[in-house]
Amino acid sequence: MKKVFDRRTVLQGTSALGAAALASSPLDAFGMGHGKFPSKDINIMVGTREGGGADRNQRLVTTVWKKYLKVNFEASFYPGAAGRVGYQKFMGLAKDDGHTLLFGNMGPETLNWVVSPPKGFSFPGDYVYFNQVDLDPSVFFVHKKRTKFNTIEELLAEGKKRTLNVGVSRLAHPASLGALALAKHLGLDFNLIPLSGGKNTRKGVASGEMDFGALPSGGIARKYKSWKTLLTFDLNKPTGDYAKALYNAPMVNQKYGMHLPALASARAFAVKTSFTKKYPDRYAKLIATGKAVIEDPDFKKAVLKAKLPWNLIKYGTPEDCAAYAKDIMAVGRDFASLMSSKK
């Protein structure tokens, strides 16, 4: 069962603790001896529309998670303002008892706070990410039948002659940030055009209106017969079938002598910081069981059935999530004005 709320409704309606608790014992980590938690179904609040990448990933996780927590999950969707609506709803109305979680894409949503700080709460501070599910590096890509660029060298050579139009899903996004950072590093001019989501971005590139696109790699690798990846913002060299699907594209840091952090989409769950202090045992249970999901063979089967590259699945602790957010926000501050629709 699902609920969908529009922006107007929402606006009107409105990890040291986990590690310490986990250190006691595996049984305690799963909630043994701490009373029954969860005591009812868990609501997952998603700050994007139903049917997107965040929805897909939370469904993959919660389908397996319910066998560990012994309850069902219900997703509610709050699209609008690049995820801002969902966060406002969560921070304003969700109880801090562990029965309501947020699921979001840390990269775009923390960059959103760089461009325009949230109202009514702060980050970091009032909420924490945990149980990162994936790490999907950004890539530059072209449509194989519509492009005249077969390599990143050919693309950037054209960029020395004129401004290149870049299709992106939204301005405050790791892929957009990667394009801005590379353009500055090489003295080029990229015109970023937000096309509202990955599907529309791919359509824009396929039509020939965009010189190239910048998106997370997952949707490009899955349709590698149509798309060719020219550059990846991964920190680790892709391997196996995933590398082949990306046409063994070079990595930006290695290719151009840059020192960027992982400019990738990284989806994770979040809770209010007050919850982690009020119920450290419950928080520990969510962390322990969430990690168990990622290691569960049933989860891997579900990911592969969905035709997602297993290489993109990467569990992250609360500390990993905090480090990711800190790094990407630090780079984002250098380009905040360029990631704003009000520039």
Protein backbone atom coordinates (compact mmCIF):
# COMPACT_ATOMS: atom_id res chain seq x y z
CA MET A 1 0.00 0.00 0.00
CA LYS A 2 1.28 3.48 -0.81
CA LYS A 3 0.50 7.11 -0.22
CA VAL A 4 1.44 10.02 -2.43
CA PHE A 5 1.41 13.66 -1.33
CA ASP A 6 1.94 16.73 -3.42
CA ARG A 7 4.04 19.73 -2.48
CA ARG A 8 1.11 21.92 -1.44
CA THR A 9 -0.27 19.30 0.93
CA VAL A 10 3.10 18.77 2.56
CA LEU A 11 3.99 22.41 2.98
CA GLN A 12 0.68 23.06 4.60
CA GLY A 13 0.90 19.92 6.73
CA THR A 14 3.77 20.84 8.11
CA SER A 15 26.96 7.03 14.32
CA ALA A 16 28.46 6.45 17.44
CA LEU A 17 25.32 5.48 19.25
CA GLY A 18 24.55 2.66 16.85
CA ALA A 19 28.10 1.32 17.05
CA ALA A 20 28.09 1.36 20.86
CA ALA A 21 24.81 -0.50 21.04
CA LEU A 22 25.93 -3.03 18.48
CA ALA A 23 29.03 -3.79 20.51
CA SER A 24 27.02 -5.56 23.25
CA SER A 25 26.12 -8.80 21.46
CA PRO A 26 24.63 -10.08 18.20
CA LEU A 27 21.40 -10.98 19.97
CA ASP A 28 21.10 -7.52 21.47
CA ALA A 29 21.78 -6.03 18.03
CA PHE A 30 18.69 -7.78 16.71
CA GLY A 31 16.62 -6.56 19.62
CA MET A 32 16.63 -9.62 21.88
CA GLY A 33 16.05 -8.57 25.46
CA HIS A 34 15.05 -4.99 24.61
CA GLY A 35 11.31 -5.50 24.29
CA LYS A 36 9.43 -5.77 21.06
CA PHE A 37 10.61 -3.45 18.33
CA PRO A 38 9.23 -2.75 15.90
CA SER A 39 5.78 -3.10 17.44
CA LYS A 40 3.96 -2.15 14.23
CA ASP A 41 4.55 -1.77 10.51
CA ILE A 42 7.22 0.69 9.42
CA ASN A 43 6.52 3.61 7.11
CA ILE A 44 9.21 4.57 4.60
CA MET A 45 8.98 8.19 3.48
CA VAL A 46 10.50 8.73 0.02
CA GLY A 47 11.22 12.24 -1.21
CA THR A 48 10.77 11.37 -4.88
CA ARG A 49 7.99 10.09 -7.07
CA GLU A 50 6.92 6.47 -7.11
CA GLY A 51 8.65 4.29 -9.69
CA GLY A 52 12.08 5.95 -9.65
CA GLY A 53 15.44 4.63 -8.56
CA ALA A 54 14.86 5.41 -4.88
CA ASP A 55 11.52 3.60 -4.92
CA ARG A 56 13.05 0.61 -6.67
CA ASN A 57 15.90 0.32 -4.17
CA GLN A 58 13.78 0.73 -1.06
CA ARG A 59 11.45 -1.99 -2.33
CA LEU A 60 14.38 -4.33 -2.94
CA VAL A 61 15.63 -3.76 0.60
CA THR A 62 12.34 -3.80 2.50
CA THR A 63 11.12 -6.95 0.77
CA VAL A 64 13.97 -8.80 2.52
CA TRP A 65 14.15 -6.60 5.63
CA LYS A 66 10.67 -7.59 6.73
CA LYS A 67 11.79 -11.15 7.39
CA TYR A 68 14.30 -9.82 9.93
CA LEU A 69 12.04 -7.27 11.60
CA LYS A 70 8.84 -9.36 11.33
CA VAL A 71 6.72 -6.43 10.17
CA ASN A 72 5.64 -5.01 6.85
CA PHE A 73 6.78 -1.79 5.24
CA GLU A 74 4.58 0.86 3.65
CA ALA A 75 6.04 3.52 1.37
CA SER A 76 4.75 7.08 1.16
CA PHE A 77 5.94 9.38 -1.61
CA TYR A 78 6.49 13.13 -1.34
CA PRO A 79 7.91 14.41 -4.63
CA GLY A 80 8.71 18.06 -5.09
CA ALA A 81 11.44 20.68 -4.77
CA ALA A 82 14.25 18.20 -5.50
CA GLY A 83 13.49 16.12 -2.41
CA ARG A 84 13.01 19.07 -0.08
CA VAL A 85 9.29 18.37 0.38
CA GLY A 86 9.91 14.86 1.66
CA TYR A 87 12.49 16.01 4.17
CA GLN A 88 10.22 18.78 5.46
CA LYS A 89 7.44 16.27 5.91
CA PHE A 90 9.69 13.79 7.69
CA MET A 91 11.32 16.31 10.01
CA GLY A 92 8.07 18.09 10.76
CA LEU A 93 5.67 15.25 11.43
CA ALA A 94 7.42 11.90 11.81
CA LYS A 95 7.65 10.54 15.34
CA ASP A 96 11.12 9.70 16.62
CA ASP A 97 10.24 6.16 17.67
CA GLY A 98 11.83 4.24 14.79
CA HIS A 99 8.58 3.32 13.05
CA THR A 100 9.01 6.02 10.39
CA LEU A 101 12.17 6.10 8.29
CA LEU A 102 13.30 8.34 5.47
CA PHE A 103 14.83 6.88 2.32
CA GLY A 104 16.71 9.18 0.03
CA ASN A 105 19.57 9.80 -2.34
CA MET A 106 22.22 11.39 -0.13
CA GLY A 107 24.13 13.15 -2.92
CA PRO A 108 21.41 15.29 -4.53
CA GLU A 109 19.67 15.90 -1.25
CA THR A 110 22.70 17.11 0.70
CA LEU A 111 23.76 19.25 -2.27
CA ASN A 112 20.28 20.72 -2.06
CA TRP A 113 21.19 22.00 1.42
CA VAL A 114 24.39 23.53 0.04
CA VAL A 115 22.42 25.49 -2.53
CA SER A 116 19.68 26.50 -0.09
CA PRO A 117 19.82 25.50 3.60
CA PRO A 118 16.74 23.69 4.91
CA LYS A 119 14.17 25.59 6.95
CA GLY A 120 13.18 24.33 10.36
CA PHE A 121 16.03 21.83 10.74
CA SER A 122 19.72 21.47 10.03
CA PHE A 123 22.06 18.98 8.41
CA PRO A 124 24.31 17.70 9.73
CA GLY A 125 22.63 17.87 13.08
CA ASP A 126 18.95 16.99 13.16
CA TYR A 127 18.95 13.77 11.14
CA VAL A 128 21.46 11.03 10.33
CA TYR A 129 21.84 8.65 7.42
CA PHE A 130 22.49 4.95 7.98
CA ASN A 131 22.38 1.68 6.06
CA GLN A 132 23.63 2.99 2.73
CA VAL A 133 22.42 0.61 0.03
CA ASP A 134 24.40 1.51 -3.07
CA LEU A 135 27.10 3.69 -4.58
CA ASP A 136 26.34 4.47 -8.22
CA PRO A 137 29.12 6.56 -9.83
CA SER A 138 28.24 9.38 -12.17
CA VAL A 139 29.19 9.05 -15.83
CA PHE A 140 29.30 11.10 -19.01
CA PHE A 141 27.44 9.26 -21.78
CA VAL A 142 26.23 9.63 -25.34
CA HIS A 143 23.70 7.86 -27.53
CA LYS A 144 25.55 5.49 -29.81
CA LYS A 145 23.47 6.21 -32.91
CA ARG A 146 23.09 9.97 -32.47
CA THR A 147 26.53 11.09 -31.40
CA LYS A 148 29.68 11.97 -33.29
CA PHE A 149 31.80 11.52 -30.17
CA ASN A 150 33.27 8.11 -29.56
CA THR A 151 35.77 9.03 -26.84
CA ILE A 152 36.05 11.56 -24.05
CA GLU A 153 38.96 13.13 -25.92
CA GLU A 154 36.74 13.81 -28.95
CA LEU A 155 34.01 15.26 -26.77
CA LEU A 156 36.31 17.61 -24.90
CA ALA A 157 38.08 18.66 -28.10
CA GLU A 158 34.70 19.90 -29.30
CA GLY A 159 34.28 21.61 -25.94
CA LYS A 160 37.35 23.72 -26.66
CA LYS A 161 35.56 25.09 -29.73
CA ARG A 162 32.13 25.85 -28.26
CA THR A 163 29.86 25.53 -25.25
CA LEU A 164 28.54 22.00 -24.84
CA ASN A 165 24.97 21.33 -23.74
CA VAL A 166 24.82 18.75 -20.94
CA GLY A 167 21.62 16.93 -20.06
CA VAL A 168 21.29 16.34 -16.30
CA SER A 169 18.46 15.15 -14.10
CA ARG A 170 18.73 18.20 -11.83
CA LEU A 171 21.30 20.87 -11.11
CA ALA A 172 22.08 19.92 -7.51
CA HIS A 173 23.26 16.40 -8.29
CA PRO A 174 26.61 14.56 -8.09
CA ALA A 175 26.67 14.10 -11.87
CA SER A 176 26.05 17.81 -12.43
CA LEU A 177 28.74 18.60 -9.89
CA GLY A 178 31.15 16.35 -11.78
CA ALA A 179 30.47 18.21 -15.02
CA LEU A 180 31.01 21.59 -13.36
CA ALA A 181 34.21 20.48 -11.65
CA LEU A 182 35.74 19.03 -14.82
CA ALA A 183 34.78 22.07 -16.88
CA LYS A 184 36.48 24.36 -14.36
CA HIS A 185 39.56 22.13 -14.20
CA LEU A 186 39.98 22.14 -17.99
CA GLY A 187 38.80 25.69 -18.64
CA LEU A 188 35.74 24.62 -20.62
CA ASP A 189 32.16 25.87 -20.68
CA PHE A 190 29.37 23.38 -20.10
CA ASN A 191 25.75 24.50 -20.23
CA LEU A 192 23.87 22.25 -17.78
CA ILE A 193 20.22 21.70 -18.67
CA PRO A 194 18.08 20.03 -15.97
CA LEU A 195 15.57 17.68 -17.59
CA SER A 196 13.75 16.41 -14.49
CA GLY A 197 14.86 12.86 -13.85
CA GLY A 198 17.00 10.20 -15.48
CA LYS A 199 14.38 9.06 -17.98
CA ASN A 200 13.91 12.54 -19.41
CA THR A 201 17.65 13.12 -19.44
CA ARG A 202 18.20 9.99 -21.51
CA LYS A 203 15.45 11.15 -23.89
CA GLY A 204 17.15 14.51 -24.28
CA VAL A 205 20.47 12.89 -25.14
CA ALA A 206 18.81 10.39 -27.51
CA SER A 207 17.07 13.23 -29.38
CA GLY A 208 20.39 14.88 -30.14
CA GLU A 209 19.38 18.08 -28.34
CA MET A 210 22.09 17.46 -25.75
CA ASP A 211 25.74 16.97 -26.69
CA PHE A 212 26.04 14.45 -23.87
CA GLY A 213 24.45 13.48 -20.60
CA ALA A 214 25.64 13.15 -17.02
CA LEU A 215 23.82 10.63 -14.83
CA PRO A 216 24.48 7.75 -12.43
CA SER A 217 25.89 4.74 -14.25
CA GLY A 218 23.24 2.16 -13.41
CA GLY A 219 20.61 3.14 -15.97
CA ILE A 220 23.29 3.61 -18.63
CA ALA A 221 25.05 0.30 -18.00
CA ARG A 222 21.78 -1.63 -18.15
CA LYS A 223 21.13 -0.30 -21.68
CA TYR A 224 24.73 -0.34 -22.87
CA LYS A 225 23.70 -1.31 -26.40
CA SER A 226 22.11 2.12 -26.75
CA TRP A 227 24.43 4.23 -24.60
CA LYS A 228 28.17 4.63 -24.57
CA THR A 229 29.94 5.81 -21.43
CA LEU A 230 32.86 8.16 -22.09
CA LEU A 231 33.99 8.97 -18.54
CA THR A 232 33.26 7.73 -15.03
CA PHE A 233 33.53 9.51 -11.68
CA ASP A 234 34.22 6.29 -9.79
CA LEU A 235 37.17 5.99 -7.43
CA ASN A 236 37.70 2.32 -8.18
CA LYS A 237 38.26 0.82 -11.59
CA PRO A 238 35.12 -1.01 -12.75
CA THR A 239 35.51 -4.74 -13.31
CA GLY A 240 33.81 -7.63 -15.07
CA ASP A 241 30.59 -7.22 -17.03
CA TYR A 242 30.00 -3.84 -15.42
CA ALA A 243 33.26 -2.54 -16.89
CA LYS A 244 32.28 -3.87 -20.31
CA ALA A 245 28.88 -2.20 -20.02
CA LEU A 246 30.70 1.08 -19.41
CA TYR A 247 33.01 0.44 -22.38
CA ASN A 248 36.00 0.53 -20.02
CA ALA A 249 35.64 4.29 -19.77
CA PRO A 250 38.48 6.10 -17.99
CA MET A 251 38.13 7.46 -14.44
CA VAL A 252 38.17 11.23 -14.12
CA ASN A 253 40.76 11.51 -11.34
CA GLN A 254 43.18 9.20 -13.08
CA LYS A 255 42.60 10.67 -16.52
CA TYR A 256 42.75 14.36 -15.64
CA GLY A 257 44.77 14.50 -12.45
CA MET A 258 41.89 15.57 -10.25
CA HIS A 259 41.22 14.70 -6.62
CA LEU A 260 37.46 14.50 -6.46
CA PRO A 261 35.64 12.31 -3.92
CA ALA A 262 33.20 9.72 -5.21
CA LEU A 263 30.64 11.74 -7.17
CA ALA A 264 27.98 9.09 -7.03
CA SER A 265 24.37 8.57 -6.13
CA ALA A 266 24.23 6.86 -2.75
CA ARG A 267 20.86 5.87 -1.42
CA ALA A 268 20.41 5.37 2.30
CA PHE A 269 17.89 5.39 5.12
CA ALA A 270 17.69 8.18 7.66
CA VAL A 271 16.26 8.81 11.12
CA LYS A 272 16.01 11.82 13.38
CA THR A 273 19.05 12.32 15.58
CA SER A 274 16.71 12.53 18.57
CA PHE A 275 15.65 8.93 17.88
CA THR A 276 19.25 7.67 18.03
CA LYS A 277 19.63 9.26 21.47
CA LYS A 278 16.24 8.27 22.81
CA TYR A 279 16.31 4.66 21.59
CA PRO A 280 19.92 3.57 20.94
CA ASP A 281 18.90 -0.10 21.13
CA ARG A 282 16.27 0.35 18.41
CA TYR A 283 18.73 2.25 16.25
CA ALA A 284 21.25 -0.54 16.70
CA LYS A 285 18.66 -3.09 15.65
CA LEU A 286 17.87 -1.16 12.47
CA ILE A 287 21.58 -0.98 11.65
CA ALA A 288 22.27 -4.65 12.35
CA THR A 289 19.27 -6.01 10.48
CA GLY A 290 19.80 -3.58 7.60
CA LYS A 291 23.35 -4.82 7.17
CA ALA A 292 22.07 -8.41 7.29
CA VAL A 293 19.75 -7.61 4.39
CA ILE A 294 22.61 -6.52 2.14
CA GLU A 295 24.46 -9.75 2.96
CA ASP A 296 21.39 -11.93 2.42
CA PRO A 297 21.46 -14.11 -0.75
CA ASP A 298 17.78 -13.30 -1.29
CA PHE A 299 18.65 -9.64 -1.64
CA LYS A 300 21.30 -10.35 -4.24
CA LYS A 301 18.83 -12.49 -6.18
CA ALA A 302 16.31 -9.64 -6.13
CA VAL A 303 18.91 -7.12 -7.34
CA LEU A 304 20.00 -9.35 -10.21
CA LYS A 305 16.38 -10.08 -11.11
CA ALA A 306 15.84 -6.33 -11.38
CA LYS A 307 18.79 -6.30 -13.83
CA LEU A 308 20.87 -3.98 -11.67
CA PRO A 309 24.67 -4.35 -11.65
CA TRP A 310 25.62 -6.02 -8.37
CA ASN A 311 28.83 -3.94 -8.46
CA LEU A 312 26.75 -0.90 -7.47
CA ILE A 313 25.50 -2.40 -4.22
CA LYS A 314 27.61 -1.06 -1.38
CA TYR A 315 26.63 -1.13 2.26
CA GLY A 316 27.56 1.91 4.30
CA THR A 317 27.62 2.46 8.06
CA PRO A 318 26.39 5.72 9.62
CA GLU A 319 30.03 6.82 9.68
CA ASP A 320 30.42 6.01 5.97
CA CYS A 321 27.28 8.00 5.20
CA ALA A 322 28.49 10.98 7.21
CA ALA A 323 31.86 10.95 5.44
CA TYR A 324 30.21 10.74 2.01
CA ALA A 325 27.92 13.68 2.78
CA LYS A 326 30.76 15.77 4.19
CA ASP A 327 32.97 15.20 1.13
CA ILE A 328 30.33 15.90 -1.49
CA MET A 329 29.04 18.99 0.31
CA ALA A 330 32.59 20.35 0.53
CA VAL A 331 32.99 20.15 -3.27
CA GLY A 332 29.46 21.42 -3.78
CA ARG A 333 30.15 24.67 -1.92
CA ASP A 334 32.56 25.69 -4.69
CA PHE A 335 29.76 25.47 -7.24
CA ALA A 336 26.69 26.37 -5.19
CA SER A 337 25.68 29.32 -7.36
CA LEU A 338 25.93 27.21 -10.53
CA MET A 339 23.71 24.50 -9.07
CA SER A 340 20.93 26.94 -8.27
CA SER A 341 17.99 27.47 -10.58
CA LYS A 342 18.12 31.13 -9.53
CA LYS A 343 21.59 31.74 -10.96
